[in-house]
Amino acid sequence: MSPHSAPAASPRAVLRYTAFSTDPGGGNPAGVVLDASGLGDDAMLAIAAELGYSESAFLTAPPEGLGEPGRAFTVRYFSPKAEVPFCGHATVATAVALAERAGPGDLVFATRAGTVPVTVTEQDGALRATLTSVEPYVAEVGSQDVREALAALRWPATDLDPALPARIAFAGARHLVLAAATRARLAELSYDFERLEKLMVRLDLTTIQLAWRESATLFHVRDPFPVGGVVEDPATGAAAAAFGAYARELGVVPGESVLTLHQGTDMGRPGVLTVELRPGDPRVRVSGAGARIPDAPQR
């Protein structure tokens, strides 16, 4: 058995992988069902809720002509509370699970947000997946909505970084980007779950992307996720892609950049997300390692 071959399992089995870390105890865990054919929405939601991870991915046959057989799939993502249009960490986890079975290389996923190409490579003995987002956008957010978000987070406005103004950013899902002025502000997260959830539902947000800039291309981020029934997401690939679009749109970084995002440290599940911006291509690439979670009990 090769170092990355997977143990035999039923395609209907609920597999458990972490994304954005080579350590099963780090990064963001996701459930992966490689063959969800015949599972209805209620069944997929029930599996995601029982597992309790921020998202789980469910694979079925791709649309005709999408890609090479065995390397193209339709993917749906469910949190414990609802379906979401796109999930970056579950995409990375799924790609690593598939690569363990079919080998590294190119994959393509049809998601509710659009078509998402993924490439899996082996680096230093670990599998690493790079997803390419759908075309992103960055939008203004009303001052009253920002005030409401800050009130729910229990953040005074003076704790925001004026160099990184609030925006809504999308690269498959919508996120409100709020930048903390200090690392200490980011480290303290104790918010009004129901109040923040209500605002997020109204603005159609998947997470709140909280960020602190350590250096030119190094950021620390956290993502409250009450609309998914989860207090905080440990590593958020969709938000990382949206943040890359945000940073480029606002001129925070050059149009050709590689950013490093650290997430999960304050939760005890450290992960690293790499965000790549390429000139002439509006899409954002997000990369990270992944690993099986061995014999993890459902929770």
C-alpha atoms as a PDB file:
ATOM      1  CA  MET A   1       0.000   0.000   0.000  1.00  0.00           C
ATOM      2  CA  SER A   2       1.406   3.398  -0.974  1.00  0.00           C
ATOM      3  CA  PRO A   3       1.761   6.124   1.668  1.00  0.00           C
ATOM      4  CA  HIS A   4      -1.383   7.816   0.358  1.00  0.00           C
ATOM      5  CA  SER A   5      -3.559   4.825  -0.504  1.00  0.00           C
ATOM      6  CA  ALA A   6      -6.769   4.766   1.473  1.00  0.00           C
ATOM      7  CA  PRO A   7      -8.061   1.813   3.466  1.00  0.00           C
ATOM      8  CA  ALA A   8     -10.939  -0.043   1.852  1.00  0.00           C
ATOM      9  CA  ALA A   9     -14.308   1.482   2.692  1.00  0.00           C
ATOM     10  CA  SER A  10     -17.802   1.473   1.310  1.00  0.00           C
ATOM     11  CA  PRO A  11     -18.357   4.402  -1.098  1.00  0.00           C
ATOM     12  CA  ARG A  12     -21.366   5.302   1.070  1.00  0.00           C
ATOM     13  CA  ALA A  13     -19.196   5.456   4.191  1.00  0.00           C
ATOM     14  CA  VAL A  14     -18.879   8.820   5.898  1.00  0.00           C
ATOM     15  CA  LEU A  15     -15.152   9.497   5.666  1.00  0.00           C
ATOM     16  CA  ARG A  16     -13.425  12.048   7.875  1.00  0.00           C
ATOM     17  CA  TYR A  17     -10.606  14.243   6.653  1.00  0.00           C
ATOM     18  CA  THR A  18      -9.005  17.423   7.879  1.00  0.00           C
ATOM     19  CA  ALA A  19      -8.122  20.263   5.520  1.00  0.00           C
ATOM     20  CA  PHE A  20      -5.335  22.837   5.690  1.00  0.00           C
ATOM     21  CA  SER A  21      -3.160  20.689   7.939  1.00  0.00           C
ATOM     22  CA  THR A  22      -1.173  17.454   7.743  1.00  0.00           C
ATOM     23  CA  ASP A  23      -2.100  16.797  11.393  1.00  0.00           C
ATOM     24  CA  PRO A  24      -5.505  15.158  11.889  1.00  0.00           C
ATOM     25  CA  GLY A  25      -5.832  17.251  15.054  1.00  0.00           C
ATOM     26  CA  GLY A  26      -5.288  20.507  13.166  1.00  0.00           C
ATOM     27  CA  GLY A  27      -7.059  22.322  10.374  1.00  0.00           C
ATOM     28  CA  ASN A  28     -10.772  21.924   9.725  1.00  0.00           C
ATOM     29  CA  PRO A  29     -12.415  18.478   9.766  1.00  0.00           C
ATOM     30  CA  ALA A  30     -14.998  17.592   7.130  1.00  0.00           C
ATOM     31  CA  GLY A  31     -17.178  14.631   6.379  1.00  0.00           C
ATOM     32  CA  VAL A  32     -16.909  13.186   2.872  1.00  0.00           C
ATOM     33  CA  VAL A  33     -19.377  10.784   1.234  1.00  0.00           C
ATOM     34  CA  LEU A  34     -17.888   9.626  -2.058  1.00  0.00           C
ATOM     35  CA  ASP A  35     -21.159   8.163  -3.353  1.00  0.00           C
ATOM     36  CA  ALA A  36     -24.237  10.073  -2.229  1.00  0.00           C
ATOM     37  CA  SER A  37     -26.454   8.825  -5.064  1.00  0.00           C
ATOM     38  CA  GLY A  38     -29.872   8.028  -3.689  1.00  0.00           C
ATOM     39  CA  LEU A  39     -29.459  10.258  -0.654  1.00  0.00           C
ATOM     40  CA  GLY A  40     -32.060  12.992  -0.416  1.00  0.00           C
ATOM     41  CA  ASP A  41     -31.552  16.440   1.065  1.00  0.00           C
ATOM     42  CA  ASP A  42     -32.905  15.398   4.456  1.00  0.00           C
ATOM     43  CA  ALA A  43     -30.571  12.398   4.608  1.00  0.00           C
ATOM     44  CA  MET A  44     -27.521  14.489   3.727  1.00  0.00           C
ATOM     45  CA  LEU A  45     -28.473  17.129   6.280  1.00  0.00           C
ATOM     46  CA  ALA A  46     -28.980  14.441   8.926  1.00  0.00           C
ATOM     47  CA  ILE A  47     -25.529  12.975   8.241  1.00  0.00           C
ATOM     48  CA  ALA A  48     -23.928  16.421   8.469  1.00  0.00           C
ATOM     49  CA  ALA A  49     -25.793  17.184  11.699  1.00  0.00           C
ATOM     50  CA  GLU A  50     -24.860  13.876  13.297  1.00  0.00           C
ATOM     51  CA  LEU A  51     -21.220  14.314  12.334  1.00  0.00           C
ATOM     52  CA  GLY A  52     -21.216  17.851  13.724  1.00  0.00           C
ATOM     53  CA  TYR A  53     -18.413  19.254  11.592  1.00  0.00           C
ATOM     54  CA  SER A  54     -18.882  22.683  10.078  1.00  0.00           C
ATOM     55  CA  GLU A  55     -19.479  21.078   6.654  1.00  0.00           C
ATOM     56  CA  SER A  56     -19.681  17.714   4.960  1.00  0.00           C
ATOM     57  CA  ALA A  57     -19.394  17.032   1.219  1.00  0.00           C
ATOM     58  CA  PHE A  58     -21.602  14.658  -0.771  1.00  0.00           C
ATOM     59  CA  LEU A  59     -20.565  13.450  -4.242  1.00  0.00           C
ATOM     60  CA  THR A  60     -22.785  12.308  -7.081  1.00  0.00           C
ATOM     61  CA  ALA A  61     -22.366  11.923 -10.840  1.00  0.00           C
ATOM     62  CA  PRO A  62     -21.239  15.026 -12.734  1.00  0.00           C
ATOM     63  CA  PRO A  63     -23.172  16.849 -15.421  1.00  0.00           C
ATOM     64  CA  GLU A  64     -22.551  15.330 -18.822  1.00  0.00           C
ATOM     65  CA  GLY A  65     -19.268  16.447 -20.366  1.00  0.00           C
ATOM     66  CA  LEU A  66     -17.900  18.083 -17.213  1.00  0.00           C
ATOM     67  CA  GLY A  67     -14.653  16.137 -17.138  1.00  0.00           C
ATOM     68  CA  GLU A  68     -12.808  12.843 -17.217  1.00  0.00           C
ATOM     69  CA  PRO A  69     -14.802   9.911 -15.750  1.00  0.00           C
ATOM     70  CA  GLY A  70     -13.731   9.228 -12.188  1.00  0.00           C
ATOM     71  CA  ARG A  71     -12.245  12.713 -11.837  1.00  0.00           C
ATOM     72  CA  ALA A  72     -15.370  14.881 -12.204  1.00  0.00           C
ATOM     73  CA  PHE A  73     -18.241  15.044  -9.722  1.00  0.00           C
ATOM     74  CA  THR A  74     -21.228  17.003  -8.559  1.00  0.00           C
ATOM     75  CA  VAL A  75     -20.577  18.097  -4.976  1.00  0.00           C
ATOM     76  CA  ARG A  76     -23.049  19.428  -2.434  1.00  0.00           C
ATOM     77  CA  TYR A  77     -22.097  20.811   0.957  1.00  0.00           C
ATOM     78  CA  PHE A  78     -24.134  20.675   4.154  1.00  0.00           C
ATOM     79  CA  SER A  79     -23.505  22.252   7.539  1.00  0.00           C
ATOM     80  CA  PRO A  80     -25.318  20.826  10.578  1.00  0.00           C
ATOM     81  CA  LYS A  81     -28.133  23.324   9.903  1.00  0.00           C
ATOM     82  CA  ALA A  82     -28.370  23.919   6.155  1.00  0.00           C
ATOM     83  CA  GLU A  83     -26.930  23.423   2.695  1.00  0.00           C
ATOM     84  CA  VAL A  84     -24.277  25.964   1.670  1.00  0.00           C
ATOM     85  CA  PRO A  85     -23.389  26.811  -1.958  1.00  0.00           C
ATOM     86  CA  PHE A  86     -19.664  26.217  -1.601  1.00  0.00           C
ATOM     87  CA  CYS A  87     -17.182  25.109   1.051  1.00  0.00           C
ATOM     88  CA  GLY A  88     -13.448  25.392   0.536  1.00  0.00           C
ATOM     89  CA  HIS A  89     -12.199  23.144   3.318  1.00  0.00           C
ATOM     90  CA  ALA A  90     -14.599  20.334   2.417  1.00  0.00           C
ATOM     91  CA  THR A  91     -13.440  20.706  -1.212  1.00  0.00           C
ATOM     92  CA  VAL A  92      -9.811  20.251  -0.143  1.00  0.00           C
ATOM     93  CA  ALA A  93     -10.755  17.305   2.086  1.00  0.00           C
ATOM     94  CA  THR A  94     -12.723  15.676  -0.734  1.00  0.00           C
ATOM     95  CA  ALA A  95      -9.914  16.176  -3.240  1.00  0.00           C
ATOM     96  CA  VAL A  96      -7.399  14.564  -0.888  1.00  0.00           C
ATOM     97  CA  ALA A  97      -9.764  11.634  -0.279  1.00  0.00           C
ATOM     98  CA  LEU A  98     -10.165  11.132  -4.030  1.00  0.00           C
ATOM     99  CA  ALA A  99      -6.415  11.436  -4.647  1.00  0.00           C
ATOM    100  CA  GLU A 100      -5.745   8.702  -2.104  1.00  0.00           C
ATOM    101  CA  ARG A 101      -7.926   6.421  -4.198  1.00  0.00           C
ATOM    102  CA  ALA A 102      -7.274   7.576  -7.777  1.00  0.00           C
ATOM    103  CA  GLY A 103      -3.919   9.328  -7.473  1.00  0.00           C
ATOM    104  CA  PRO A 104      -2.933  13.015  -7.579  1.00  0.00           C
ATOM    105  CA  GLY A 105      -3.899  15.116 -10.577  1.00  0.00           C
ATOM    106  CA  ASP A 106      -6.725  17.279 -11.824  1.00  0.00           C
ATOM    107  CA  LEU A 107     -10.316  17.075 -10.607  1.00  0.00           C
ATOM    108  CA  VAL A 108     -13.367  19.180 -11.384  1.00  0.00           C
ATOM    109  CA  PHE A 109     -16.386  19.733  -9.154  1.00  0.00           C
ATOM    110  CA  ALA A 110     -19.811  21.034 -10.146  1.00  0.00           C
ATOM    111  CA  THR A 111     -21.085  23.013  -7.141  1.00  0.00           C
ATOM    112  CA  ARG A 112     -24.098  25.226  -6.567  1.00  0.00           C
ATOM    113  CA  ALA A 113     -21.730  28.199  -6.850  1.00  0.00           C
ATOM    114  CA  GLY A 114     -20.312  27.053 -10.192  1.00  0.00           C
ATOM    115  CA  THR A 115     -17.558  24.848 -11.591  1.00  0.00           C
ATOM    116  CA  VAL A 116     -14.509  24.515  -9.341  1.00  0.00           C
ATOM    117  CA  PRO A 117     -11.313  22.942 -10.726  1.00  0.00           C
ATOM    118  CA  VAL A 118      -9.007  21.317  -8.168  1.00  0.00           C
ATOM    119  CA  THR A 119      -5.462  20.018  -8.580  1.00  0.00           C
ATOM    120  CA  VAL A 120      -3.884  17.617  -6.096  1.00  0.00           C
ATOM    121  CA  THR A 121      -0.120  17.241  -5.855  1.00  0.00           C
ATOM    122  CA  GLU A 122       2.220  15.417  -3.517  1.00  0.00           C
ATOM    123  CA  GLN A 123       4.694  17.636  -1.672  1.00  0.00           C
ATOM    124  CA  ASP A 124       7.143  16.421   0.954  1.00  0.00           C
ATOM    125  CA  GLY A 125       5.159  13.237   1.432  1.00  0.00           C
ATOM    126  CA  ALA A 126       1.824  15.006   1.905  1.00  0.00           C
ATOM    127  CA  LEU A 127      -1.102  15.505  -0.447  1.00  0.00           C
ATOM    128  CA  ARG A 128      -1.947  19.131  -1.173  1.00  0.00           C
ATOM    129  CA  ALA A 129      -5.021  20.418  -3.009  1.00  0.00           C
ATOM    130  CA  THR A 130      -5.418  23.705  -4.862  1.00  0.00           C
ATOM    131  CA  LEU A 131      -8.915  24.871  -5.723  1.00  0.00           C
ATOM    132  CA  THR A 132      -9.699  27.625  -8.217  1.00  0.00           C
ATOM    133  CA  SER A 133     -12.663  29.736  -7.169  1.00  0.00           C
ATOM    134  CA  VAL A 134     -15.528  30.923  -9.279  1.00  0.00           C
ATOM    135  CA  GLU A 135     -15.217  34.565 -10.340  1.00  0.00           C
ATOM    136  CA  PRO A 136     -15.345  36.709  -7.187  1.00  0.00           C
ATOM    137  CA  TYR A 137     -16.799  40.088  -6.380  1.00  0.00           C
ATOM    138  CA  VAL A 138     -16.372  42.648  -3.611  1.00  0.00           C
ATOM    139  CA  ALA A 139     -19.253  44.896  -2.522  1.00  0.00           C
ATOM    140  CA  GLU A 140     -19.835  47.793  -0.171  1.00  0.00           C
ATOM    141  CA  VAL A 141     -21.635  47.086   3.097  1.00  0.00           C
ATOM    142  CA  GLY A 142     -23.879  49.611   4.827  1.00  0.00           C
ATOM    143  CA  SER A 143     -22.573  51.402   7.899  1.00  0.00           C
ATOM    144  CA  GLN A 144     -25.612  50.329   9.901  1.00  0.00           C
ATOM    145  CA  ASP A 145     -24.923  46.693   9.064  1.00  0.00           C
ATOM    146  CA  VAL A 146     -21.306  47.099  10.162  1.00  0.00           C
ATOM    147  CA  ARG A 147     -22.460  48.639  13.439  1.00  0.00           C
ATOM    148  CA  GLU A 148     -24.844  45.745  13.985  1.00  0.00           C
ATOM    149  CA  ALA A 149     -22.092  43.211  13.280  1.00  0.00           C
ATOM    150  CA  LEU A 150     -19.785  44.947  15.750  1.00  0.00           C
ATOM    151  CA  ALA A 151     -22.531  45.033  18.367  1.00  0.00           C
ATOM    152  CA  ALA A 152     -23.146  41.289  17.934  1.00  0.00           C
ATOM    153  CA  LEU A 153     -19.410  40.604  18.126  1.00  0.00           C
ATOM    154  CA  ARG A 154     -19.099  42.930  21.139  1.00  0.00           C
ATOM    155  CA  TRP A 155     -16.301  44.817  19.373  1.00  0.00           C
ATOM    156  CA  PRO A 156     -15.941  48.574  19.759  1.00  0.00           C
ATOM    157  CA  ALA A 157     -15.488  50.359  16.439  1.00  0.00           C
ATOM    158  CA  THR A 158     -12.096  51.584  17.644  1.00  0.00           C
ATOM    159  CA  ASP A 159     -10.840  47.984  17.501  1.00  0.00           C
ATOM    160  CA  LEU A 160     -11.144  47.935  13.690  1.00  0.00           C
ATOM    161  CA  ASP A 161      -8.153  48.498  11.414  1.00  0.00           C
ATOM    162  CA  PRO A 162      -8.968  51.602   9.346  1.00  0.00           C
ATOM    163  CA  ALA A 163      -6.523  50.461   6.637  1.00  0.00           C
ATOM    164  CA  LEU A 164      -8.732  47.430   5.914  1.00  0.00           C
ATOM    165  CA  PRO A 165     -12.316  48.696   5.589  1.00  0.00           C
ATOM    166  CA  ALA A 166     -15.361  46.458   5.936  1.00  0.00           C
ATOM    167  CA  ARG A 167     -16.637  44.858   2.732  1.00  0.00           C
ATOM    168  CA  ILE A 168     -18.714  41.900   1.605  1.00  0.00           C
ATOM    169  CA  ALA A 169     -16.582  39.525  -0.474  1.00  0.00           C
ATOM    170  CA  PHE A 170     -17.670  36.548  -2.553  1.00  0.00           C
ATOM    171  CA  ALA A 171     -15.742  33.720  -4.195  1.00  0.00           C
ATOM    172  CA  GLY A 172     -18.409  31.030  -4.043  1.00  0.00           C
ATOM    173  CA  ALA A 173     -20.080  32.209  -0.835  1.00  0.00           C
ATOM    174  CA  ARG A 174     -20.637  35.631   0.750  1.00  0.00           C
ATOM    175  CA  HIS A 175     -18.537  36.755   3.719  1.00  0.00           C
ATOM    176  CA  LEU A 176     -18.375  40.020   5.641  1.00  0.00           C
ATOM    177  CA  VAL A 177     -14.714  40.994   6.066  1.00  0.00           C
ATOM    178  CA  LEU A 178     -13.878  42.876   9.263  1.00  0.00           C
ATOM    179  CA  ALA A 179     -10.259  43.626  10.160  1.00  0.00           C
ATOM    180  CA  ALA A 180      -9.015  43.811  13.737  1.00  0.00           C
ATOM    181  CA  ALA A 181      -6.472  46.454  14.681  1.00  0.00           C
ATOM    182  CA  THR A 182      -4.547  44.076  16.971  1.00  0.00           C
ATOM    183  CA  ARG A 183      -3.864  40.381  17.382  1.00  0.00           C
ATOM    184  CA  ALA A 184      -5.247  40.603  20.932  1.00  0.00           C
ATOM    185  CA  ARG A 185      -8.609  41.810  19.568  1.00  0.00           C
ATOM    186  CA  LEU A 186      -8.755  38.876  17.170  1.00  0.00           C
ATOM    187  CA  ALA A 187      -7.864  36.411  19.931  1.00  0.00           C
ATOM    188  CA  GLU A 188     -10.895  37.371  22.013  1.00  0.00           C
ATOM    189  CA  LEU A 189     -14.061  36.000  20.442  1.00  0.00           C
ATOM    190  CA  SER A 190     -17.213  35.946  22.547  1.00  0.00           C
ATOM    191  CA  TYR A 191     -20.229  37.010  20.542  1.00  0.00           C
ATOM    192  CA  ASP A 192     -24.020  37.050  20.615  1.00  0.00           C
ATOM    193  CA  PHE A 193     -24.772  33.916  18.571  1.00  0.00           C
ATOM    194  CA  GLU A 194     -28.428  34.633  17.799  1.00  0.00           C
ATOM    195  CA  ARG A 195     -27.891  38.322  17.051  1.00  0.00           C
ATOM    196  CA  LEU A 196     -25.045  37.648  14.639  1.00  0.00           C
ATOM    197  CA  GLU A 197     -26.956  34.796  13.006  1.00  0.00           C
ATOM    198  CA  LYS A 198     -29.947  37.065  12.383  1.00  0.00           C
ATOM    199  CA  LEU A 199     -27.759  39.662  10.665  1.00  0.00           C
ATOM    200  CA  MET A 200     -26.011  37.031   8.567  1.00  0.00           C
ATOM    201  CA  VAL A 201     -29.287  35.540   7.379  1.00  0.00           C
ATOM    202  CA  ARG A 202     -30.501  38.991   6.359  1.00  0.00           C
ATOM    203  CA  LEU A 203     -27.279  39.727   4.430  1.00  0.00           C
ATOM    204  CA  ASP A 204     -26.993  36.176   3.021  1.00  0.00           C
ATOM    205  CA  LEU A 205     -23.584  35.637   4.625  1.00  0.00           C
ATOM    206  CA  THR A 206     -21.892  32.298   5.147  1.00  0.00           C
ATOM    207  CA  THR A 207     -19.309  33.484   7.690  1.00  0.00           C
ATOM    208  CA  ILE A 208     -17.861  36.659   9.128  1.00  0.00           C
ATOM    209  CA  GLN A 209     -14.200  36.814   8.074  1.00  0.00           C
ATOM    210  CA  LEU A 210     -12.277  38.430  10.928  1.00  0.00           C
ATOM    211  CA  ALA A 211      -8.689  39.265   9.973  1.00  0.00           C
ATOM    212  CA  TRP A 212      -5.532  40.771  11.428  1.00  0.00           C
ATOM    213  CA  ARG A 213      -2.584  41.706   9.234  1.00  0.00           C
ATOM    214  CA  GLU A 214       0.787  40.681  10.667  1.00  0.00           C
ATOM    215  CA  SER A 215       2.891  41.635   7.643  1.00  0.00           C
ATOM    216  CA  ALA A 216       2.591  42.424   3.943  1.00  0.00           C
ATOM    217  CA  THR A 217       1.342  38.964   2.961  1.00  0.00           C
ATOM    218  CA  LEU A 218       0.721  37.228   6.309  1.00  0.00           C
ATOM    219  CA  PHE A 219      -2.706  37.365   7.953  1.00  0.00           C
ATOM    220  CA  HIS A 220      -4.435  35.699  10.886  1.00  0.00           C
ATOM    221  CA  VAL A 221      -8.147  35.007  10.453  1.00  0.00           C
ATOM    222  CA  ARG A 222     -11.168  33.656  12.328  1.00  0.00           C
ATOM    223  CA  ASP A 223     -14.657  32.842  11.038  1.00  0.00           C
ATOM    224  CA  PRO A 224     -17.769  32.853  13.224  1.00  0.00           C
ATOM    225  CA  PHE A 225     -20.350  30.560  11.585  1.00  0.00           C
ATOM    226  CA  PRO A 226     -23.631  30.723  13.523  1.00  0.00           C
ATOM    227  CA  VAL A 227     -25.755  30.255  10.393  1.00  0.00           C
ATOM    228  CA  GLY A 228     -24.203  26.787  10.107  1.00  0.00           C
ATOM    229  CA  GLY A 229     -24.913  25.955  13.723  1.00  0.00           C
ATOM    230  CA  VAL A 230     -21.221  26.249  14.581  1.00  0.00           C
ATOM    231  CA  VAL A 231     -19.676  28.913  16.821  1.00  0.00           C
ATOM    232  CA  GLU A 232     -16.476  29.095  14.768  1.00  0.00           C
ATOM    233  CA  ASP A 233     -15.085  27.466  11.648  1.00  0.00           C
ATOM    234  CA  PRO A 234     -11.487  26.277  12.190  1.00  0.00           C
ATOM    235  CA  ALA A 235     -10.217  26.885   8.621  1.00  0.00           C
ATOM    236  CA  THR A 236     -12.365  28.439   5.918  1.00  0.00           C
ATOM    237  CA  GLY A 237     -11.285  27.985   2.315  1.00  0.00           C
ATOM    238  CA  ALA A 238     -14.237  29.825   0.779  1.00  0.00           C
ATOM    239  CA  ALA A 239     -13.598  32.818   3.033  1.00  0.00           C
ATOM    240  CA  ALA A 240      -9.889  32.675   2.194  1.00  0.00           C
ATOM    241  CA  ALA A 241     -10.736  32.917  -1.502  1.00  0.00           C
ATOM    242  CA  ALA A 242     -13.100  35.808  -0.809  1.00  0.00           C
ATOM    243  CA  PHE A 243     -10.417  37.496   1.298  1.00  0.00           C
ATOM    244  CA  GLY A 244      -7.944  37.216  -1.561  1.00  0.00           C
ATOM    245  CA  ALA A 245     -10.414  38.983  -3.837  1.00  0.00           C
ATOM    246  CA  TYR A 246     -10.996  41.619  -1.153  1.00  0.00           C
ATOM    247  CA  ALA A 247      -7.272  42.257  -0.627  1.00  0.00           C
ATOM    248  CA  ARG A 248      -6.689  42.641  -4.357  1.00  0.00           C
ATOM    249  CA  GLU A 249      -9.754  44.839  -4.955  1.00  0.00           C
ATOM    250  CA  LEU A 250      -8.785  47.254  -2.188  1.00  0.00           C
ATOM    251  CA  GLY A 251      -5.128  47.365  -3.201  1.00  0.00           C
ATOM    252  CA  VAL A 252      -4.046  45.813   0.087  1.00  0.00           C
ATOM    253  CA  VAL A 253      -1.752  43.495  -1.896  1.00  0.00           C
ATOM    254  CA  PRO A 254      -0.481  43.516  -5.491  1.00  0.00           C
ATOM    255  CA  GLY A 255      -2.503  41.816  -8.211  1.00  0.00           C
ATOM    256  CA  GLU A 256       0.113  39.072  -8.326  1.00  0.00           C
ATOM    257  CA  SER A 257       0.526  37.817  -4.782  1.00  0.00           C
ATOM    258  CA  VAL A 258       0.778  34.763  -2.578  1.00  0.00           C
ATOM    259  CA  LEU A 259      -0.811  35.285   0.825  1.00  0.00           C
ATOM    260  CA  THR A 260      -0.531  33.085   3.893  1.00  0.00           C
ATOM    261  CA  LEU A 261      -3.515  32.867   6.245  1.00  0.00           C
ATOM    262  CA  HIS A 262      -3.193  31.289   9.687  1.00  0.00           C
ATOM    263  CA  GLN A 263      -6.470  30.081  11.149  1.00  0.00           C
ATOM    264  CA  GLY A 264      -7.584  27.815  13.988  1.00  0.00           C
ATOM    265  CA  THR A 265      -4.724  28.678  16.346  1.00  0.00           C
ATOM    266  CA  ASP A 266      -7.066  30.236  18.904  1.00  0.00           C
ATOM    267  CA  MET A 267      -9.230  27.084  18.756  1.00  0.00           C
ATOM    268  CA  GLY A 268      -6.357  24.663  19.229  1.00  0.00           C
ATOM    269  CA  ARG A 269      -6.678  23.433  15.608  1.00  0.00           C
ATOM    270  CA  PRO A 270      -3.979  25.369  13.726  1.00  0.00           C
ATOM    271  CA  GLY A 271      -4.151  25.385   9.953  1.00  0.00           C
ATOM    272  CA  VAL A 272      -2.450  27.201   7.093  1.00  0.00           C
ATOM    273  CA  LEU A 273      -4.205  28.430   3.950  1.00  0.00           C
ATOM    274  CA  THR A 274      -2.294  29.686   0.917  1.00  0.00           C
ATOM    275  CA  VAL A 275      -4.062  32.220  -1.297  1.00  0.00           C
ATOM    276  CA  GLU A 276      -2.702  32.926  -4.772  1.00  0.00           C
ATOM    277  CA  LEU A 277      -3.643  35.861  -6.986  1.00  0.00           C
ATOM    278  CA  ARG A 278      -2.597  35.775 -10.642  1.00  0.00           C
ATOM    279  CA  PRO A 279      -2.487  38.723 -13.035  1.00  0.00           C
ATOM    280  CA  GLY A 280      -5.137  38.620 -15.723  1.00  0.00           C
ATOM    281  CA  ASP A 281      -7.247  36.050 -13.869  1.00  0.00           C
ATOM    282  CA  PRO A 282      -9.963  37.321 -11.524  1.00  0.00           C
ATOM    283  CA  ARG A 283     -10.326  33.921  -9.865  1.00  0.00           C
ATOM    284  CA  VAL A 284      -8.553  33.096  -6.618  1.00  0.00           C
ATOM    285  CA  ARG A 285      -6.607  29.930  -5.858  1.00  0.00           C
ATOM    286  CA  VAL A 286      -6.605  28.468  -2.358  1.00  0.00           C
ATOM    287  CA  SER A 287      -4.235  25.668  -1.398  1.00  0.00           C
ATOM    288  CA  GLY A 288      -3.781  23.473   1.619  1.00  0.00           C
ATOM    289  CA  ALA A 289      -2.722  20.066   2.800  1.00  0.00           C
ATOM    290  CA  GLY A 290      -5.145  17.418   3.957  1.00  0.00           C
ATOM    291  CA  ALA A 291      -5.094  14.217   5.968  1.00  0.00           C
ATOM    292  CA  ARG A 292      -7.333  11.359   6.994  1.00  0.00           C
ATOM    293  CA  ILE A 293      -8.712  11.440  10.522  1.00  0.00           C
ATOM    294  CA  PRO A 294      -8.145   7.848  11.675  1.00  0.00           C
ATOM    295  CA  ASP A 295     -10.919   6.089  13.559  1.00  0.00           C
ATOM    296  CA  ALA A 296     -12.569   9.366  14.514  1.00  0.00           C
ATOM    297  CA  PRO A 297     -15.823   8.782  16.387  1.00  0.00           C
ATOM    298  CA  GLN A 298     -18.894  10.688  15.295  1.00  0.00           C
ATOM    299  CA  ARG A 299     -19.749  13.549  17.600  1.00  0.00           C
END
